[in-house]
Amino acid sequence: MGGRYGEVRGSSKIETYLKYVHQVERSDMLPHNNPDPRYKKQCKREMVQDPETGEWVLAFHQHT
């Protein structure tokens, strides 16, 4: 499936989530995102903490 893959990083889960929402809002991609930014708890569950930097990381896929 086409689209764009990436990740968003932040020092806390809420910061990472807000960066992700901002990125989705300014994106020119169709509104099909995985994870869906409308579900904050789902996004937070999918975050992992980078053991080297301590940052929270959310991987995403924006479908075309």
PDB file of N, CA and C in Angstrom:
ATOM      1  N   MET A   1       0.841  -1.164   0.000  1.00  0.00           N
ATOM      2  CA  MET A   1       0.000   0.000   0.000  1.00  0.00           C
ATOM      3  C   MET A   1       0.891   1.234   0.000  1.00  0.00           C
ATOM      4  N   GLY A   2       0.500   2.266  -0.752  1.00  0.00           N
ATOM      5  CA  GLY A   2       1.299   3.477  -0.859  1.00  0.00           C
ATOM      6  C   GLY A   2       1.139   4.378   0.340  1.00  0.00           C
ATOM      7  N   GLY A   3       1.963   5.379   0.367  1.00  0.00           N
ATOM      8  CA  GLY A   3       1.877   6.341   1.450  1.00  0.00           C
ATOM      9  C   GLY A   3       3.234   6.683   1.987  1.00  0.00           C
ATOM     10  N   ARG A   4       3.240   7.215   3.174  1.00  0.00           N
ATOM     11  CA  ARG A   4       4.473   7.653   3.802  1.00  0.00           C
ATOM     12  C   ARG A   4       4.577   7.045   5.192  1.00  0.00           C
ATOM     13  N   TYR A   5       5.767   6.536   5.486  1.00  0.00           N
ATOM     14  CA  TYR A   5       6.060   6.011   6.817  1.00  0.00           C
ATOM     15  C   TYR A   5       6.958   7.005   7.541  1.00  0.00           C
ATOM     16  N   GLY A   6       6.864   7.034   8.841  1.00  0.00           N
ATOM     17  CA  GLY A   6       7.735   7.906   9.615  1.00  0.00           C
ATOM     18  C   GLY A   6       7.555   7.678  11.088  1.00  0.00           C
ATOM     19  N   GLU A   7       8.165   8.559  11.852  1.00  0.00           N
ATOM     20  CA  GLU A   7       8.031   8.496  13.303  1.00  0.00           C
ATOM     21  C   GLU A   7       8.072   9.904  13.864  1.00  0.00           C
ATOM     22  N   VAL A   8       7.465  10.048  15.016  1.00  0.00           N
ATOM     23  CA  VAL A   8       7.450  11.304  15.749  1.00  0.00           C
ATOM     24  C   VAL A   8       8.062  11.022  17.110  1.00  0.00           C
ATOM     25  N   ARG A   9       8.898  11.958  17.583  1.00  0.00           N
ATOM     26  CA  ARG A   9       9.577  11.788  18.871  1.00  0.00           C
ATOM     27  C   ARG A   9       9.276  12.958  19.786  1.00  0.00           C
ATOM     28  N   GLY A  10       9.226  12.666  21.089  1.00  0.00           N
ATOM     29  CA  GLY A  10       9.012  13.715  22.078  1.00  0.00           C
ATOM     30  C   GLY A  10       9.505  13.272  23.435  1.00  0.00           C
ATOM     31  N   SER A  11       9.624  14.225  24.337  1.00  0.00           N
ATOM     32  CA  SER A  11      10.138  13.906  25.669  1.00  0.00           C
ATOM     33  C   SER A  11       9.074  13.279  26.568  1.00  0.00           C
ATOM     34  N   SER A  12       7.800  13.425  26.190  1.00  0.00           N
ATOM     35  CA  SER A  12       6.712  12.796  26.941  1.00  0.00           C
ATOM     36  C   SER A  12       5.693  12.238  25.946  1.00  0.00           C
ATOM     37  N   LYS A  13       4.802  11.401  26.443  1.00  0.00           N
ATOM     38  CA  LYS A  13       3.794  10.828  25.553  1.00  0.00           C
ATOM     39  C   LYS A  13       2.860  11.899  24.996  1.00  0.00           C
ATOM     40  N   ILE A  14       2.472  12.859  25.821  1.00  0.00           N
ATOM     41  CA  ILE A  14       1.545  13.885  25.352  1.00  0.00           C
ATOM     42  C   ILE A  14       2.234  14.784  24.326  1.00  0.00           C
ATOM     43  N   GLU A  15       3.494  15.107  24.542  1.00  0.00           N
ATOM     44  CA  GLU A  15       4.225  15.919  23.565  1.00  0.00           C
ATOM     45  C   GLU A  15       4.320  15.187  22.230  1.00  0.00           C
ATOM     46  N   THR A  16       4.606  13.900  22.269  1.00  0.00           N
ATOM     47  CA  THR A  16       4.708  13.101  21.054  1.00  0.00           C
ATOM     48  C   THR A  16       3.365  13.042  20.341  1.00  0.00           C
ATOM     49  N   TYR A  17       2.303  12.826  21.093  1.00  0.00           N
ATOM     50  CA  TYR A  17       0.962  12.778  20.502  1.00  0.00           C
ATOM     51  C   TYR A  17       0.603  14.105  19.840  1.00  0.00           C
ATOM     52  N   LEU A  18       0.861  15.222  20.508  1.00  0.00           N
ATOM     53  CA  LEU A  18       0.528  16.530  19.951  1.00  0.00           C
ATOM     54  C   LEU A  18       1.347  16.838  18.694  1.00  0.00           C
ATOM     55  N   LYS A  19       2.604  16.407  18.667  1.00  0.00           N
ATOM     56  CA  LYS A  19       3.419  16.575  17.459  1.00  0.00           C
ATOM     57  C   LYS A  19       2.829  15.762  16.303  1.00  0.00           C
ATOM     58  N   TYR A  20       2.362  14.560  16.619  1.00  0.00           N
ATOM     59  CA  TYR A  20       1.762  13.698  15.597  1.00  0.00           C
ATOM     60  C   TYR A  20       0.483  14.332  15.049  1.00  0.00           C
ATOM     61  N   VAL A  21      -0.380  14.826  15.916  1.00  0.00           N
ATOM     62  CA  VAL A  21      -1.620  15.470  15.481  1.00  0.00           C
ATOM     63  C   VAL A  21      -1.300  16.670  14.599  1.00  0.00           C
ATOM     64  N   HIS A  22      -0.325  17.469  14.997  1.00  0.00           N
ATOM     65  CA  HIS A  22       0.066  18.635  14.214  1.00  0.00           C
ATOM     66  C   HIS A  22       0.574  18.212  12.829  1.00  0.00           C
ATOM     67  N   GLN A  23       1.364  17.160  12.801  1.00  0.00           N
ATOM     68  CA  GLN A  23       1.898  16.679  11.519  1.00  0.00           C
ATOM     69  C   GLN A  23       0.782  16.186  10.607  1.00  0.00           C
ATOM     70  N   VAL A  24      -0.185  15.473  11.161  1.00  0.00           N
ATOM     71  CA  VAL A  24      -1.312  14.971  10.368  1.00  0.00           C
ATOM     72  C   VAL A  24      -2.146  16.137   9.836  1.00  0.00           C
ATOM     73  N   GLU A  25      -2.364  17.148  10.677  1.00  0.00           N
ATOM     74  CA  GLU A  25      -3.181  18.292  10.265  1.00  0.00           C
ATOM     75  C   GLU A  25      -2.555  19.076   9.126  1.00  0.00           C
ATOM     76  N   ARG A  26      -1.238  19.184   9.086  1.00  0.00           N
ATOM     77  CA  ARG A  26      -0.598  19.967   8.039  1.00  0.00           C
ATOM     78  C   ARG A  26      -0.181  19.129   6.831  1.00  0.00           C
ATOM     79  N   SER A  27      -0.457  17.842   6.876  1.00  0.00           N
ATOM     80  CA  SER A  27      -0.087  16.941   5.792  1.00  0.00           C
ATOM     81  C   SER A  27      -1.042  17.077   4.616  1.00  0.00           C
ATOM     82  N   ASP A  28      -0.531  16.852   3.415  1.00  0.00           N
ATOM     83  CA  ASP A  28      -1.369  16.885   2.217  1.00  0.00           C
ATOM     84  C   ASP A  28      -1.860  15.484   1.838  1.00  0.00           C
ATOM     85  N   MET A  29      -1.622  14.508   2.707  1.00  0.00           N
ATOM     86  CA  MET A  29      -2.063  13.137   2.454  1.00  0.00           C
ATOM     87  C   MET A  29      -3.562  13.013   2.734  1.00  0.00           C
ATOM     88  N   LEU A  30      -4.145  11.963   2.211  1.00  0.00           N
ATOM     89  CA  LEU A  30      -5.547  11.681   2.506  1.00  0.00           C
ATOM     90  C   LEU A  30      -5.710  11.397   4.000  1.00  0.00           C
ATOM     91  N   PRO A  31      -6.912  11.521   4.516  1.00  0.00           N
ATOM     92  CA  PRO A  31      -7.100  11.373   5.971  1.00  0.00           C
ATOM     93  C   PRO A  31      -7.130   9.928   6.461  1.00  0.00           C
ATOM     94  N   HIS A  32      -6.252   9.101   5.962  1.00  0.00           N
ATOM     95  CA  HIS A  32      -6.165   7.708   6.415  1.00  0.00           C
ATOM     96  C   HIS A  32      -4.806   7.531   7.071  1.00  0.00           C
ATOM     97  N   ASN A  33      -4.796   7.561   8.376  1.00  0.00           N
ATOM     98  CA  ASN A  33      -3.551   7.487   9.130  1.00  0.00           C
ATOM     99  C   ASN A  33      -3.588   6.306  10.081  1.00  0.00           C
ATOM    100  N   ASN A  34      -2.447   5.691  10.251  1.00  0.00           N
ATOM    101  CA  ASN A  34      -2.319   4.584  11.180  1.00  0.00           C
ATOM    102  C   ASN A  34      -1.143   4.890  12.097  1.00  0.00           C
ATOM    103  N   PRO A  35      -1.347   5.107  13.373  1.00  0.00           N
ATOM    104  CA  PRO A  35      -2.607   5.051  14.105  1.00  0.00           C
ATOM    105  C   PRO A  35      -3.471   6.280  13.846  1.00  0.00           C
ATOM    106  N   ASP A  36      -4.741   6.132  14.110  1.00  0.00           N
ATOM    107  CA  ASP A  36      -5.704   7.215  13.902  1.00  0.00           C
ATOM    108  C   ASP A  36      -5.510   8.269  14.995  1.00  0.00           C
ATOM    109  N   PRO A  37      -5.211   9.519  14.623  1.00  0.00           N
ATOM    110  CA  PRO A  37      -4.955  10.542  15.642  1.00  0.00           C
ATOM    111  C   PRO A  37      -6.174  10.922  16.477  1.00  0.00           C
ATOM    112  N   ARG A  38      -7.362  10.503  16.062  1.00  0.00           N
ATOM    113  CA  ARG A  38      -8.560  10.798  16.857  1.00  0.00           C
ATOM    114  C   ARG A  38      -8.614   9.985  18.144  1.00  0.00           C
ATOM    115  N   TYR A  39      -7.820   8.916  18.217  1.00  0.00           N
ATOM    116  CA  TYR A  39      -7.842   8.025  19.377  1.00  0.00           C
ATOM    117  C   TYR A  39      -6.532   8.156  20.156  1.00  0.00           C
ATOM    118  N   LYS A  40      -6.511   9.107  21.089  1.00  0.00           N
ATOM    119  CA  LYS A  40      -5.297   9.429  21.838  1.00  0.00           C
ATOM    120  C   LYS A  40      -4.780   8.221  22.621  1.00  0.00           C
ATOM    121  N   LYS A  41      -5.659   7.483  23.256  1.00  0.00           N
ATOM    122  CA  LYS A  41      -5.211   6.337  24.062  1.00  0.00           C
ATOM    123  C   LYS A  41      -4.558   5.268  23.195  1.00  0.00           C
ATOM    124  N   GLN A  42      -5.110   5.037  22.006  1.00  0.00           N
ATOM    125  CA  GLN A  42      -4.515   4.059  21.090  1.00  0.00           C
ATOM    126  C   GLN A  42      -3.122   4.523  20.675  1.00  0.00           C
ATOM    127  N   CYS A  43      -2.994   5.802  20.351  1.00  0.00           N
ATOM    128  CA  CYS A  43      -1.690   6.342  19.967  1.00  0.00           C
ATOM    129  C   CYS A  43      -0.682   6.175  21.095  1.00  0.00           C
ATOM    130  N   LYS A  44      -1.105   6.465  22.318  1.00  0.00           N
ATOM    131  CA  LYS A  44      -0.199   6.352  23.462  1.00  0.00           C
ATOM    132  C   LYS A  44       0.215   4.898  23.706  1.00  0.00           C
ATOM    133  N   ARG A  45      -0.698   3.954  23.482  1.00  0.00           N
ATOM    134  CA  ARG A  45      -0.359   2.534  23.655  1.00  0.00           C
ATOM    135  C   ARG A  45       0.679   2.078  22.641  1.00  0.00           C
ATOM    136  N   GLU A  46       0.669   2.683  21.459  1.00  0.00           N
ATOM    137  CA  GLU A  46       1.595   2.274  20.398  1.00  0.00           C
ATOM    138  C   GLU A  46       2.972   2.926  20.514  1.00  0.00           C
ATOM    139  N   MET A  47       3.134   3.846  21.444  1.00  0.00           N
ATOM    140  CA  MET A  47       4.426   4.500  21.627  1.00  0.00           C
ATOM    141  C   MET A  47       5.389   3.589  22.365  1.00  0.00           C
ATOM    142  N   VAL A  48       6.656   3.709  22.005  1.00  0.00           N
ATOM    143  CA  VAL A  48       7.719   2.987  22.697  1.00  0.00           C
ATOM    144  C   VAL A  48       8.769   4.004  23.118  1.00  0.00           C
ATOM    145  N   GLN A  49       9.477   3.688  24.191  1.00  0.00           N
ATOM    146  CA  GLN A  49      10.508   4.594  24.676  1.00  0.00           C
ATOM    147  C   GLN A  49      11.866   4.137  24.163  1.00  0.00           C
ATOM    148  N   ASP A  50      12.584   5.060  23.541  1.00  0.00           N
ATOM    149  CA  ASP A  50      13.928   4.788  23.036  1.00  0.00           C
ATOM    150  C   ASP A  50      14.856   4.645  24.240  1.00  0.00           C
ATOM    151  N   PRO A  51      15.486   3.471  24.420  1.00  0.00           N
ATOM    152  CA  PRO A  51      16.317   3.260  25.602  1.00  0.00           C
ATOM    153  C   PRO A  51      17.578   4.131  25.619  1.00  0.00           C
ATOM    154  N   GLU A  52      18.042   4.581  24.458  1.00  0.00           N
ATOM    155  CA  GLU A  52      19.262   5.388  24.407  1.00  0.00           C
ATOM    156  C   GLU A  52      19.000   6.860  24.731  1.00  0.00           C
ATOM    157  N   THR A  53      17.899   7.404  24.216  1.00  0.00           N
ATOM    158  CA  THR A  53      17.635   8.832  24.392  1.00  0.00           C
ATOM    159  C   THR A  53      16.562   9.115  25.439  1.00  0.00           C
ATOM    160  N   GLY A  54      15.736   8.134  25.747  1.00  0.00           N
ATOM    161  CA  GLY A  54      14.639   8.330  26.683  1.00  0.00           C
ATOM    162  C   GLY A  54      13.419   8.962  26.052  1.00  0.00           C
ATOM    163  N   GLU A  55      13.488   9.261  24.753  1.00  0.00           N
ATOM    164  CA  GLU A  55      12.360   9.876  24.056  1.00  0.00           C
ATOM    165  C   GLU A  55      11.268   8.845  23.780  1.00  0.00           C
ATOM    166  N   TRP A  56      10.037   9.331  23.702  1.00  0.00           N
ATOM    167  CA  TRP A  56       8.917   8.488  23.296  1.00  0.00           C
ATOM    168  C   TRP A  56       8.798   8.569  21.786  1.00  0.00           C
ATOM    169  N   VAL A  57       8.563   7.425  21.143  1.00  0.00           N
ATOM    170  CA  VAL A  57       8.544   7.340  19.688  1.00  0.00           C
ATOM    171  C   VAL A  57       7.219   6.736  19.243  1.00  0.00           C
ATOM    172  N   LEU A  58       6.578   7.403  18.281  1.00  0.00           N
ATOM    173  CA  LEU A  58       5.348   6.890  17.678  1.00  0.00           C
ATOM    174  C   LEU A  58       5.597   6.711  16.192  1.00  0.00           C
ATOM    175  N   ALA A  59       5.587   5.469  15.737  1.00  0.00           N
ATOM    176  CA  ALA A  59       5.733   5.175  14.307  1.00  0.00           C
ATOM    177  C   ALA A  59       4.371   5.299  13.658  1.00  0.00           C
ATOM    178  N   PHE A  60       4.334   5.811  12.411  1.00  0.00           N
ATOM    179  CA  PHE A  60       3.061   5.997  11.739  1.00  0.00           C
ATOM    180  C   PHE A  60       3.153   5.671  10.261  1.00  0.00           C
ATOM    181  N   HIS A  61       1.979   5.496   9.651  1.00  0.00           N
ATOM    182  CA  HIS A  61       1.852   5.308   8.206  1.00  0.00           C
ATOM    183  C   HIS A  61       0.677   6.143   7.733  1.00  0.00           C
ATOM    184  N   GLN A  62       0.945   7.038   6.784  1.00  0.00           N
ATOM    185  CA  GLN A  62      -0.109   7.838   6.190  1.00  0.00           C
ATOM    186  C   GLN A  62      -0.392   7.233   4.818  1.00  0.00           C
ATOM    187  N   HIS A  63      -1.602   6.711   4.657  1.00  0.00           N
ATOM    188  CA  HIS A  63      -2.005   6.042   3.420  1.00  0.00           C
ATOM    189  C   HIS A  63      -2.379   7.069   2.343  1.00  0.00           C
ATOM    190  N   THR A  64      -2.148   6.678   1.111  1.00  0.00           N
ATOM    191  CA  THR A  64      -2.592   7.533  -0.009  1.00  0.00           C
ATOM    192  C   THR A  64      -3.875   7.022  -0.576  1.00  0.00           C
TER     193      THR A  64
END
